[in-house]
Amino acid sequence: MRQRSGFTTVLLAVAVLGGTAEAYCQEGPFGFQIRGGFTRPLAGFRDPAQGWEGEARSGSSLAMGFTFPLFRVFGGYLGFSEHRFGCDEAVCPRGKPWVATGFDVALRSVIGRGRLRGWIQGGIHTHRMEGRLRGNPNPVTSRSDDSGGYEVGAGVLIQVGERTSLAPGVRYGLGNVPFEGRSTLGLRYMVFDIGLMLGF
C-alpha cells in the first residue's frame, strides 16, 4: 500500500506542476542520458532474524537510458542501472559488494523553459541481486530471482549546450527481492548521482 501511495503522489505532483508551468518531456524529441554516483542503503538489508547477516553499506551507481515524448507534460523513460552495496567483511569475502541490476520503465516530466529546470520521474524498477557469502571451505555465490519494485526521483537540468545538460538528482528505490532457499530481501535505498543529458 505504501509503494502505491508513494507512486501516486509523484504522479499527482507532476500533474500539478504541469498545470502551473510550461513543461517539456526532455531536451529534444528524444534524449539519452548516462548517470553516475553512489547508493546509500536506508537500513541493513540482511536481517539475522530472516536468515541474513551483516550490514549493507554505500556503493557506486551507474545508469543509462532514453527519454521520449508521450502525452502533454509527460515523457517516457526506458533505462538500465547497476547499484552496488558494500558488504560486511565478516559476511562477504574481502568485503565484496552485492550488485543489483535492473531495468526502468518510468514516467518523466521536465518543468520550465530556462537554462535551469526541474525534472521529476517515477516508475517500475526491476531488481536482480548477486553477491558472495563466506562459506566452508569456499565462498558461495548467491543470486536472486528477478523481482519488481519502484524508483522515484527528482532533480534539476542545468543546460550547458544547445541540447546538452547536466542533471544532478536523487532517487528513492524499494523492492522485495526473493532468493531460492533464503528469505526475501527487503531492499530500501537512496541514489545520489549526476547525469549527462543529450537531446536529439
N, C-alpha and C. Protein backbone atom coordinates (compact mmCIF):
# COMPACT_ATOMS: atom_id res chain seq x y z
N MET A 1 0.82 -1.19 0.00
CA MET A 1 0.00 0.00 0.00
C MET A 1 0.87 1.26 0.00
N ARG A 2 1.96 1.27 0.79
CA ARG A 2 2.84 2.43 0.84
C ARG A 2 3.51 2.66 -0.50
N GLN A 3 3.88 1.57 -1.21
CA GLN A 3 4.51 1.70 -2.51
C GLN A 3 3.56 2.37 -3.47
N ARG A 4 2.29 1.95 -3.49
CA ARG A 4 1.33 2.53 -4.41
C ARG A 4 1.05 3.99 -4.09
N SER A 5 0.90 4.32 -2.80
CA SER A 5 0.62 5.70 -2.43
C SER A 5 1.78 6.62 -2.76
N GLY A 6 3.01 6.14 -2.62
CA GLY A 6 4.18 6.95 -2.97
C GLY A 6 4.23 7.24 -4.45
N PHE A 7 3.96 6.23 -5.27
CA PHE A 7 3.98 6.41 -6.72
C PHE A 7 2.86 7.35 -7.15
N THR A 8 1.67 7.22 -6.53
CA THR A 8 0.55 8.10 -6.85
C THR A 8 0.88 9.54 -6.51
N THR A 9 1.56 9.78 -5.39
CA THR A 9 1.95 11.13 -5.00
C THR A 9 2.85 11.77 -6.04
N VAL A 10 3.81 10.99 -6.56
CA VAL A 10 4.71 11.52 -7.60
C VAL A 10 3.92 11.92 -8.83
N LEU A 11 2.99 11.08 -9.27
CA LEU A 11 2.22 11.39 -10.47
C LEU A 11 1.36 12.62 -10.27
N LEU A 12 0.76 12.77 -9.10
CA LEU A 12 -0.05 13.96 -8.82
C LEU A 12 0.81 15.22 -8.81
N ALA A 13 2.02 15.11 -8.27
CA ALA A 13 2.92 16.27 -8.25
C ALA A 13 3.27 16.70 -9.66
N VAL A 14 3.52 15.75 -10.54
CA VAL A 14 3.83 16.08 -11.93
C VAL A 14 2.65 16.78 -12.59
N ALA A 15 1.45 16.27 -12.33
CA ALA A 15 0.27 16.86 -12.93
C ALA A 15 0.04 18.29 -12.46
N VAL A 16 0.21 18.53 -11.16
CA VAL A 16 0.04 19.87 -10.61
C VAL A 16 1.07 20.84 -11.17
N LEU A 17 2.33 20.41 -11.18
CA LEU A 17 3.38 21.26 -11.72
C LEU A 17 3.16 21.53 -13.20
N GLY A 18 2.71 20.52 -13.91
CA GLY A 18 2.47 20.70 -15.33
C GLY A 18 1.35 21.68 -15.61
N GLY A 19 0.42 21.83 -14.68
CA GLY A 19 -0.67 22.76 -14.88
C GLY A 19 -0.31 24.19 -14.55
N THR A 20 0.82 24.43 -13.88
CA THR A 20 1.18 25.77 -13.46
C THR A 20 2.41 26.30 -14.16
N ALA A 21 3.06 25.48 -14.99
CA ALA A 21 4.26 25.92 -15.69
C ALA A 21 4.36 25.19 -17.01
N GLU A 22 5.08 25.80 -17.94
CA GLU A 22 5.29 25.14 -19.21
C GLU A 22 6.22 23.95 -18.98
N ALA A 23 5.86 22.81 -19.55
CA ALA A 23 6.62 21.59 -19.28
C ALA A 23 7.03 20.92 -20.58
N TYR A 24 8.17 20.32 -20.58
CA TYR A 24 8.71 19.64 -21.74
C TYR A 24 9.28 18.31 -21.28
N CYS A 25 9.13 17.29 -22.11
CA CYS A 25 9.50 15.95 -21.68
C CYS A 25 11.00 15.76 -21.56
N GLN A 26 11.79 16.39 -22.42
CA GLN A 26 13.23 16.22 -22.40
C GLN A 26 13.88 17.29 -23.28
N GLU A 27 15.16 17.14 -23.54
CA GLU A 27 15.90 18.15 -24.30
C GLU A 27 15.40 18.32 -25.73
N GLY A 28 15.04 17.24 -26.36
CA GLY A 28 14.54 17.28 -27.73
C GLY A 28 13.46 16.23 -27.88
N PRO A 29 13.08 15.90 -29.13
CA PRO A 29 12.09 14.83 -29.29
C PRO A 29 12.52 13.53 -28.61
N PHE A 30 13.83 13.26 -28.64
CA PHE A 30 14.36 12.09 -27.94
C PHE A 30 15.63 12.51 -27.20
N GLY A 31 15.95 11.81 -26.13
CA GLY A 31 17.15 12.13 -25.36
C GLY A 31 17.82 10.87 -24.84
N PHE A 32 19.11 10.99 -24.57
CA PHE A 32 19.88 9.90 -23.98
C PHE A 32 20.62 10.47 -22.78
N GLN A 33 20.65 9.71 -21.70
CA GLN A 33 21.40 10.15 -20.53
C GLN A 33 22.20 9.01 -19.93
N ILE A 34 23.34 9.37 -19.38
CA ILE A 34 24.17 8.44 -18.63
C ILE A 34 24.43 9.08 -17.28
N ARG A 35 24.31 8.26 -16.20
CA ARG A 35 24.38 8.79 -14.85
C ARG A 35 25.40 8.02 -14.02
N GLY A 36 26.02 8.71 -13.09
CA GLY A 36 26.96 8.07 -12.17
C GLY A 36 26.91 8.72 -10.81
N GLY A 37 27.05 7.92 -9.75
CA GLY A 37 27.02 8.45 -8.40
C GLY A 37 27.17 7.32 -7.40
N PHE A 38 26.43 7.40 -6.30
CA PHE A 38 26.53 6.35 -5.28
C PHE A 38 25.18 6.04 -4.68
N THR A 39 25.04 4.82 -4.18
CA THR A 39 23.85 4.38 -3.48
C THR A 39 24.09 4.42 -1.97
N ARG A 40 23.02 4.64 -1.24
CA ARG A 40 23.09 4.61 0.22
C ARG A 40 21.92 3.79 0.74
N PRO A 41 22.16 2.61 1.30
CA PRO A 41 21.06 1.82 1.85
C PRO A 41 20.45 2.54 3.05
N LEU A 42 19.15 2.43 3.20
CA LEU A 42 18.46 3.08 4.31
C LEU A 42 18.46 2.22 5.56
N ALA A 43 18.82 0.94 5.41
CA ALA A 43 18.93 0.02 6.55
C ALA A 43 19.74 -1.17 6.10
N GLY A 44 20.28 -1.92 7.07
CA GLY A 44 20.94 -3.17 6.72
C GLY A 44 19.92 -4.10 6.10
N PHE A 45 20.12 -4.48 4.84
CA PHE A 45 19.09 -5.27 4.19
C PHE A 45 19.26 -6.76 4.40
N ARG A 46 20.24 -7.16 5.18
CA ARG A 46 20.35 -8.58 5.53
C ARG A 46 20.05 -8.72 7.02
N ASP A 47 18.94 -9.27 7.33
CA ASP A 47 18.43 -9.34 8.69
C ASP A 47 18.71 -10.71 9.30
N PRO A 48 19.48 -10.79 10.40
CA PRO A 48 19.79 -12.09 11.01
C PRO A 48 18.53 -12.89 11.36
N ALA A 49 17.46 -12.21 11.73
CA ALA A 49 16.23 -12.91 12.11
C ALA A 49 15.58 -13.58 10.91
N GLN A 50 15.95 -13.15 9.68
CA GLN A 50 15.37 -13.72 8.48
C GLN A 50 16.40 -14.51 7.67
N GLY A 51 17.51 -14.85 8.29
CA GLY A 51 18.50 -15.65 7.59
C GLY A 51 19.58 -14.86 6.89
N TRP A 52 19.61 -13.54 7.11
CA TRP A 52 20.64 -12.69 6.53
C TRP A 52 21.48 -12.11 7.66
N GLU A 53 22.75 -11.84 7.37
CA GLU A 53 23.62 -11.29 8.40
C GLU A 53 24.36 -10.07 7.85
N GLY A 54 24.96 -9.32 8.78
CA GLY A 54 25.81 -8.21 8.38
C GLY A 54 25.03 -6.95 8.08
N GLU A 55 25.74 -5.95 7.60
CA GLU A 55 25.12 -4.66 7.30
C GLU A 55 25.45 -4.25 5.87
N ALA A 56 24.49 -3.58 5.23
CA ALA A 56 24.72 -3.03 3.90
C ALA A 56 25.41 -1.68 4.04
N ARG A 57 26.26 -1.35 3.07
CA ARG A 57 26.97 -0.07 3.07
C ARG A 57 26.82 0.61 1.73
N SER A 58 27.26 1.84 1.65
CA SER A 58 27.17 2.60 0.40
C SER A 58 28.06 2.00 -0.66
N GLY A 59 27.70 2.24 -1.92
CA GLY A 59 28.48 1.76 -3.05
C GLY A 59 28.22 2.64 -4.27
N SER A 60 28.77 2.25 -5.39
CA SER A 60 28.64 3.05 -6.60
C SER A 60 27.33 2.75 -7.33
N SER A 61 26.95 3.67 -8.22
CA SER A 61 25.75 3.51 -9.02
C SER A 61 26.02 4.02 -10.43
N LEU A 62 25.61 3.26 -11.43
CA LEU A 62 25.69 3.66 -12.83
C LEU A 62 24.35 3.39 -13.49
N ALA A 63 23.95 4.29 -14.39
CA ALA A 63 22.67 4.12 -15.08
C ALA A 63 22.73 4.79 -16.44
N MET A 64 21.91 4.32 -17.35
CA MET A 64 21.76 4.96 -18.66
C MET A 64 20.36 4.69 -19.16
N GLY A 65 19.87 5.58 -20.04
CA GLY A 65 18.53 5.37 -20.55
C GLY A 65 18.14 6.39 -21.59
N PHE A 66 16.97 6.18 -22.17
CA PHE A 66 16.42 7.02 -23.23
C PHE A 66 15.12 7.66 -22.76
N THR A 67 14.90 8.92 -23.15
CA THR A 67 13.65 9.61 -22.89
C THR A 67 12.96 9.91 -24.22
N PHE A 68 11.64 9.99 -24.19
CA PHE A 68 10.87 10.24 -25.41
C PHE A 68 9.52 10.82 -25.02
N PRO A 69 8.88 11.58 -25.92
CA PRO A 69 7.59 12.20 -25.58
C PRO A 69 6.47 11.18 -25.54
N LEU A 70 5.49 11.44 -24.65
CA LEU A 70 4.31 10.59 -24.57
C LEU A 70 3.04 11.42 -24.76
N PHE A 71 2.67 12.22 -23.73
CA PHE A 71 1.41 12.96 -23.80
C PHE A 71 1.53 14.23 -22.96
N ARG A 72 1.36 15.39 -23.60
CA ARG A 72 1.39 16.68 -22.92
C ARG A 72 2.66 16.83 -22.10
N VAL A 73 2.53 16.95 -20.76
CA VAL A 73 3.71 17.20 -19.93
C VAL A 73 4.50 15.92 -19.64
N PHE A 74 3.98 14.78 -20.06
CA PHE A 74 4.61 13.52 -19.69
C PHE A 74 5.52 12.99 -20.80
N GLY A 75 6.69 12.55 -20.41
CA GLY A 75 7.58 11.80 -21.28
C GLY A 75 7.78 10.42 -20.70
N GLY A 76 8.38 9.56 -21.48
CA GLY A 76 8.70 8.22 -21.02
C GLY A 76 10.19 8.05 -20.82
N TYR A 77 10.56 7.08 -20.00
CA TYR A 77 11.96 6.77 -19.77
C TYR A 77 12.13 5.26 -19.77
N LEU A 78 13.09 4.76 -20.55
CA LEU A 78 13.47 3.35 -20.55
C LEU A 78 14.96 3.29 -20.25
N GLY A 79 15.35 2.55 -19.23
CA GLY A 79 16.76 2.54 -18.86
C GLY A 79 17.21 1.28 -18.16
N PHE A 80 18.48 1.28 -17.84
CA PHE A 80 19.14 0.16 -17.16
C PHE A 80 20.07 0.75 -16.11
N SER A 81 20.17 0.09 -14.95
CA SER A 81 21.05 0.60 -13.90
C SER A 81 21.73 -0.54 -13.16
N GLU A 82 22.85 -0.20 -12.54
CA GLU A 82 23.58 -1.13 -11.68
C GLU A 82 23.91 -0.40 -10.39
N HIS A 83 23.39 -0.90 -9.28
CA HIS A 83 23.66 -0.33 -7.95
C HIS A 83 24.50 -1.33 -7.16
N ARG A 84 25.56 -0.84 -6.54
CA ARG A 84 26.42 -1.70 -5.71
C ARG A 84 26.24 -1.32 -4.25
N PHE A 85 26.25 -2.34 -3.39
CA PHE A 85 26.12 -2.14 -1.94
C PHE A 85 27.30 -2.80 -1.25
N GLY A 86 28.01 -2.03 -0.45
CA GLY A 86 29.11 -2.59 0.31
C GLY A 86 28.61 -3.64 1.29
N CYS A 87 29.46 -4.64 1.56
CA CYS A 87 29.07 -5.77 2.41
C CYS A 87 30.06 -5.93 3.56
N ASP A 88 29.55 -6.27 4.71
CA ASP A 88 30.37 -6.51 5.90
C ASP A 88 31.42 -7.59 5.60
N GLU A 89 32.68 -7.32 5.91
CA GLU A 89 33.76 -8.27 5.63
C GLU A 89 33.61 -9.57 6.41
N ALA A 90 32.86 -9.53 7.49
CA ALA A 90 32.63 -10.75 8.24
C ALA A 90 31.66 -11.68 7.53
N VAL A 91 30.94 -11.15 6.53
CA VAL A 91 29.94 -11.92 5.81
C VAL A 91 30.39 -12.22 4.38
N CYS A 92 30.96 -11.22 3.72
CA CYS A 92 31.39 -11.37 2.33
C CYS A 92 32.91 -11.45 2.25
N PRO A 93 33.46 -12.38 1.48
CA PRO A 93 34.92 -12.50 1.38
C PRO A 93 35.55 -11.22 0.84
N ARG A 94 36.53 -10.70 1.58
CA ARG A 94 37.23 -9.47 1.22
C ARG A 94 36.27 -8.30 1.01
N GLY A 95 35.13 -8.34 1.69
CA GLY A 95 34.18 -7.25 1.59
C GLY A 95 33.61 -7.03 0.20
N LYS A 96 33.51 -8.09 -0.61
CA LYS A 96 32.98 -7.98 -1.96
C LYS A 96 31.57 -7.41 -1.92
N PRO A 97 31.26 -6.45 -2.82
CA PRO A 97 29.93 -5.83 -2.77
C PRO A 97 28.84 -6.73 -3.34
N TRP A 98 27.60 -6.43 -2.95
CA TRP A 98 26.43 -7.00 -3.60
C TRP A 98 26.06 -6.09 -4.75
N VAL A 99 25.67 -6.67 -5.87
CA VAL A 99 25.36 -5.91 -7.08
C VAL A 99 23.89 -6.12 -7.44
N ALA A 100 23.15 -5.02 -7.58
CA ALA A 100 21.75 -5.07 -8.01
C ALA A 100 21.64 -4.46 -9.39
N THR A 101 21.15 -5.22 -10.35
CA THR A 101 20.93 -4.71 -11.69
C THR A 101 19.43 -4.69 -11.97
N GLY A 102 19.01 -3.77 -12.83
CA GLY A 102 17.59 -3.69 -13.11
C GLY A 102 17.27 -2.80 -14.28
N PHE A 103 16.03 -2.93 -14.77
CA PHE A 103 15.52 -2.12 -15.86
C PHE A 103 14.46 -1.16 -15.33
N ASP A 104 14.35 0.00 -15.98
CA ASP A 104 13.39 1.02 -15.59
C ASP A 104 12.39 1.28 -16.71
N VAL A 105 11.13 1.39 -16.34
CA VAL A 105 10.07 1.89 -17.21
C VAL A 105 9.34 2.95 -16.40
N ALA A 106 9.47 4.22 -16.81
CA ALA A 106 9.01 5.31 -15.94
C ALA A 106 8.35 6.43 -16.72
N LEU A 107 7.56 7.23 -16.00
CA LEU A 107 7.05 8.50 -16.50
C LEU A 107 7.99 9.60 -16.04
N ARG A 108 8.12 10.63 -16.87
CA ARG A 108 9.08 11.69 -16.60
C ARG A 108 8.51 13.02 -17.08
N SER A 109 8.85 14.10 -16.37
CA SER A 109 8.46 15.42 -16.83
C SER A 109 9.55 16.42 -16.47
N VAL A 110 9.80 17.35 -17.37
CA VAL A 110 10.75 18.44 -17.16
C VAL A 110 9.97 19.74 -17.12
N ILE A 111 10.20 20.55 -16.10
CA ILE A 111 9.41 21.75 -15.86
C ILE A 111 10.23 23.00 -16.16
N GLY A 112 9.68 23.89 -16.99
CA GLY A 112 10.30 25.18 -17.24
C GLY A 112 10.92 25.30 -18.62
N ARG A 113 11.46 26.50 -18.90
CA ARG A 113 12.00 26.82 -20.20
C ARG A 113 13.43 27.32 -20.16
N GLY A 114 13.91 27.76 -19.01
CA GLY A 114 15.23 28.38 -18.93
C GLY A 114 16.37 27.38 -18.92
N ARG A 115 17.54 27.89 -18.61
CA ARG A 115 18.72 27.03 -18.55
C ARG A 115 18.76 26.17 -17.28
N LEU A 116 17.94 26.51 -16.31
CA LEU A 116 17.84 25.74 -15.07
C LEU A 116 16.39 25.29 -14.93
N ARG A 117 16.15 23.99 -15.04
CA ARG A 117 14.80 23.44 -14.99
C ARG A 117 14.76 22.26 -14.04
N GLY A 118 13.57 21.95 -13.58
CA GLY A 118 13.41 20.80 -12.70
C GLY A 118 12.95 19.58 -13.47
N TRP A 119 13.29 18.40 -12.96
CA TRP A 119 12.76 17.15 -13.52
C TRP A 119 12.25 16.26 -12.40
N ILE A 120 11.26 15.46 -12.73
CA ILE A 120 10.68 14.52 -11.78
C ILE A 120 10.35 13.25 -12.54
N GLN A 121 10.56 12.11 -11.90
CA GLN A 121 10.43 10.82 -12.59
C GLN A 121 10.02 9.74 -11.61
N GLY A 122 9.21 8.81 -12.07
CA GLY A 122 8.81 7.69 -11.21
C GLY A 122 8.27 6.55 -12.03
N GLY A 123 8.58 5.32 -11.61
CA GLY A 123 8.07 4.17 -12.35
C GLY A 123 8.55 2.85 -11.79
N ILE A 124 8.42 1.83 -12.60
CA ILE A 124 8.76 0.47 -12.21
C ILE A 124 10.25 0.24 -12.39
N HIS A 125 10.85 -0.43 -11.41
CA HIS A 125 12.27 -0.78 -11.47
C HIS A 125 12.41 -2.24 -11.07
N THR A 126 13.00 -3.06 -11.93
CA THR A 126 13.21 -4.46 -11.60
C THR A 126 14.50 -4.62 -10.79
N HIS A 127 14.57 -5.70 -10.00
CA HIS A 127 15.74 -5.96 -9.17
C HIS A 127 16.23 -7.39 -9.38
N ARG A 128 17.52 -7.54 -9.58
CA ARG A 128 18.18 -8.85 -9.57
C ARG A 128 19.50 -8.67 -8.86
N MET A 129 19.69 -9.37 -7.74
CA MET A 129 20.88 -9.18 -6.91
C MET A 129 21.80 -10.39 -6.95
N GLU A 130 23.08 -10.09 -6.82
CA GLU A 130 24.09 -11.15 -6.80
C GLU A 130 25.20 -10.75 -5.84
N GLY A 131 25.67 -11.71 -5.07
CA GLY A 131 26.77 -11.45 -4.14
C GLY A 131 27.42 -12.75 -3.70
N ARG A 132 28.51 -12.60 -2.96
CA ARG A 132 29.25 -13.77 -2.47
C ARG A 132 29.24 -13.75 -0.95
N LEU A 133 28.99 -14.90 -0.37
CA LEU A 133 28.97 -15.08 1.08
C LEU A 133 30.11 -16.03 1.49
N ARG A 134 30.64 -15.79 2.66
CA ARG A 134 31.65 -16.71 3.17
C ARG A 134 31.05 -18.09 3.37
N GLY A 135 31.82 -19.11 2.99
CA GLY A 135 31.35 -20.48 3.16
C GLY A 135 32.47 -21.38 3.64
N ASN A 136 32.16 -22.59 3.92
CA ASN A 136 33.15 -23.55 4.42
C ASN A 136 33.16 -24.77 3.49
N PRO A 137 34.24 -24.94 2.69
CA PRO A 137 35.52 -24.22 2.78
C PRO A 137 35.62 -23.01 1.85
N ASN A 138 34.73 -22.89 0.83
CA ASN A 138 34.86 -21.85 -0.18
C ASN A 138 33.67 -20.89 -0.14
N PRO A 139 33.89 -19.65 -0.63
CA PRO A 139 32.77 -18.70 -0.71
C PRO A 139 31.66 -19.23 -1.61
N VAL A 140 30.44 -18.79 -1.33
CA VAL A 140 29.27 -19.23 -2.08
C VAL A 140 28.64 -18.03 -2.78
N THR A 141 28.39 -18.16 -4.08
CA THR A 141 27.71 -17.10 -4.82
C THR A 141 26.20 -17.26 -4.68
N SER A 142 25.53 -16.17 -4.35
CA SER A 142 24.08 -16.21 -4.18
C SER A 142 23.45 -15.25 -5.19
N ARG A 143 22.49 -15.74 -5.96
CA ARG A 143 21.80 -14.92 -6.96
C ARG A 143 20.31 -14.96 -6.69
N SER A 144 19.68 -13.82 -6.80
CA SER A 144 18.24 -13.73 -6.57
C SER A 144 17.47 -14.05 -7.84
N ASP A 145 16.17 -14.28 -7.67
CA ASP A 145 15.26 -14.29 -8.80
C ASP A 145 14.95 -12.84 -9.17
N ASP A 146 14.43 -12.64 -10.37
CA ASP A 146 14.01 -11.29 -10.77
C ASP A 146 12.78 -10.88 -9.98
N SER A 147 12.70 -9.58 -9.67
CA SER A 147 11.54 -9.09 -8.93
C SER A 147 11.26 -7.65 -9.32
N GLY A 148 10.05 -7.20 -9.04
CA GLY A 148 9.66 -5.84 -9.35
C GLY A 148 9.79 -4.92 -8.14
N GLY A 149 9.88 -3.65 -8.41
CA GLY A 149 9.95 -2.63 -7.38
C GLY A 149 9.69 -1.27 -8.00
N TYR A 150 10.08 -0.22 -7.29
CA TYR A 150 9.85 1.13 -7.77
C TYR A 150 11.10 1.99 -7.56
N GLU A 151 11.24 2.99 -8.39
CA GLU A 151 12.18 4.09 -8.15
C GLU A 151 11.46 5.39 -8.49
N VAL A 152 11.58 6.38 -7.60
CA VAL A 152 11.06 7.72 -7.85
C VAL A 152 12.18 8.70 -7.55
N GLY A 153 12.21 9.81 -8.30
CA GLY A 153 13.29 10.75 -8.09
C GLY A 153 12.98 12.12 -8.65
N ALA A 154 13.88 13.05 -8.36
CA ALA A 154 13.74 14.42 -8.83
C ALA A 154 15.12 15.08 -8.85
N GLY A 155 15.21 16.17 -9.59
CA GLY A 155 16.47 16.89 -9.68
C GLY A 155 16.34 18.10 -10.56
N VAL A 156 17.45 18.58 -11.09
CA VAL A 156 17.46 19.75 -11.95
C VAL A 156 18.23 19.44 -13.22
N LEU A 157 17.89 20.14 -14.30
CA LEU A 157 18.64 20.14 -15.54
C LEU A 157 19.37 21.46 -15.66
N ILE A 158 20.67 21.42 -15.84
CA ILE A 158 21.48 22.63 -15.99
C ILE A 158 22.01 22.63 -17.42
N GLN A 159 21.47 23.50 -18.26
CA GLN A 159 21.84 23.49 -19.67
C GLN A 159 23.26 24.02 -19.85
N VAL A 160 24.09 23.23 -20.55
CA VAL A 160 25.48 23.63 -20.80
C VAL A 160 25.78 23.70 -22.29
N GLY A 161 24.83 23.34 -23.13
CA GLY A 161 24.98 23.39 -24.57
C GLY A 161 23.61 23.48 -25.20
N GLU A 162 23.55 23.56 -26.53
CA GLU A 162 22.26 23.72 -27.20
C GLU A 162 21.31 22.59 -26.85
N ARG A 163 21.81 21.36 -26.81
CA ARG A 163 20.98 20.21 -26.44
C ARG A 163 21.71 19.30 -25.46
N THR A 164 22.51 19.90 -24.61
CA THR A 164 23.28 19.16 -23.61
C THR A 164 23.06 19.77 -22.24
N SER A 165 22.78 18.93 -21.27
CA SER A 165 22.55 19.41 -19.90
C SER A 165 23.20 18.47 -18.89
N LEU A 166 23.59 19.03 -17.77
CA LEU A 166 23.94 18.23 -16.60
C LEU A 166 22.67 18.02 -15.80
N ALA A 167 22.54 16.86 -15.17
CA ALA A 167 21.29 16.52 -14.49
C ALA A 167 21.54 15.88 -13.13
N PRO A 168 21.94 16.68 -12.11
CA PRO A 168 22.05 16.10 -10.77
C PRO A 168 20.67 15.74 -10.23
N GLY A 169 20.62 14.70 -9.39
CA GLY A 169 19.34 14.30 -8.84
C GLY A 169 19.48 13.29 -7.73
N VAL A 170 18.35 12.95 -7.14
CA VAL A 170 18.28 11.96 -6.07
C VAL A 170 17.08 11.07 -6.34
N ARG A 171 17.24 9.76 -6.09
CA ARG A 171 16.16 8.81 -6.30
C ARG A 171 16.01 7.91 -5.06
N TYR A 172 14.77 7.48 -4.85
CA TYR A 172 14.47 6.53 -3.79
C TYR A 172 14.00 5.24 -4.44
N GLY A 173 14.57 4.11 -4.03
CA GLY A 173 14.19 2.83 -4.60
C GLY A 173 13.78 1.84 -3.53
N LEU A 174 12.87 0.96 -3.89
CA LEU A 174 12.45 -0.09 -2.97
C LEU A 174 11.98 -1.30 -3.75
N GLY A 175 12.11 -2.46 -3.12
CA GLY A 175 11.67 -3.70 -3.72
C GLY A 175 11.87 -4.85 -2.76
N ASN A 176 11.20 -5.95 -3.01
CA ASN A 176 11.37 -7.17 -2.22
C ASN A 176 11.96 -8.23 -3.14
N VAL A 177 13.19 -8.64 -2.86
CA VAL A 177 13.95 -9.49 -3.77
C VAL A 177 13.98 -10.92 -3.24
N PRO A 178 13.39 -11.88 -3.98
CA PRO A 178 13.33 -13.27 -3.49
C PRO A 178 14.60 -14.05 -3.84
N PHE A 179 15.02 -14.91 -2.92
CA PHE A 179 16.15 -15.83 -3.11
C PHE A 179 15.66 -17.25 -2.90
N GLU A 180 16.13 -18.17 -3.70
CA GLU A 180 15.77 -19.57 -3.50
C GLU A 180 16.52 -20.10 -2.29
N GLY A 181 15.79 -20.68 -1.36
CA GLY A 181 16.40 -21.24 -0.15
C GLY A 181 16.70 -20.23 0.92
N ARG A 182 16.37 -18.96 0.70
CA ARG A 182 16.55 -17.91 1.71
C ARG A 182 15.31 -17.04 1.75
N SER A 183 15.20 -16.26 2.80
CA SER A 183 14.05 -15.37 2.90
C SER A 183 14.21 -14.20 1.92
N THR A 184 13.10 -13.55 1.65
CA THR A 184 13.08 -12.40 0.74
C THR A 184 13.84 -11.23 1.36
N LEU A 185 14.61 -10.55 0.53
CA LEU A 185 15.40 -9.41 0.96
C LEU A 185 14.60 -8.13 0.71
N GLY A 186 14.40 -7.34 1.76
CA GLY A 186 13.71 -6.06 1.63
C GLY A 186 14.71 -4.96 1.31
N LEU A 187 14.70 -4.48 0.09
CA LEU A 187 15.69 -3.52 -0.39
C LEU A 187 15.12 -2.11 -0.33
N ARG A 188 15.79 -1.21 0.41
CA ARG A 188 15.40 0.20 0.51
C ARG A 188 16.67 1.04 0.41
N TYR A 189 16.71 1.99 -0.52
CA TYR A 189 17.95 2.71 -0.75
C TYR A 189 17.69 4.08 -1.38
N MET A 190 18.70 4.94 -1.31
CA MET A 190 18.72 6.22 -2.00
C MET A 190 19.87 6.20 -3.00
N VAL A 191 19.68 6.91 -4.11
CA VAL A 191 20.73 7.08 -5.10
C VAL A 191 20.98 8.58 -5.25
N PHE A 192 22.24 8.99 -5.10
CA PHE A 192 22.66 10.37 -5.32
C PHE A 192 23.63 10.37 -6.51
N ASP A 193 23.22 11.02 -7.60
CA ASP A 193 24.07 10.94 -8.78
C ASP A 193 23.94 12.19 -9.65
N ILE A 194 24.71 12.22 -10.72
CA ILE A 194 24.62 13.31 -11.70
C ILE A 194 24.67 12.67 -13.08
N GLY A 195 23.88 13.22 -13.98
CA GLY A 195 23.79 12.68 -15.32
C GLY A 195 24.22 13.68 -16.37
N LEU A 196 24.59 13.16 -17.54
CA LEU A 196 24.83 13.96 -18.72
C LEU A 196 23.69 13.65 -19.69
N MET A 197 22.92 14.68 -20.05
CA MET A 197 21.73 14.51 -20.88
C MET A 197 21.98 15.06 -22.27
N LEU A 198 21.76 14.24 -23.30
CA LEU A 198 21.97 14.64 -24.68
C LEU A 198 20.63 14.55 -25.42
N GLY A 199 20.20 15.65 -26.04
CA GLY A 199 18.96 15.66 -26.80
C GLY A 199 19.20 15.47 -28.28
N PHE A 200 18.18 14.92 -28.98
CA PHE A 200 18.30 14.69 -30.42
C PHE A 200 17.13 15.35 -31.15
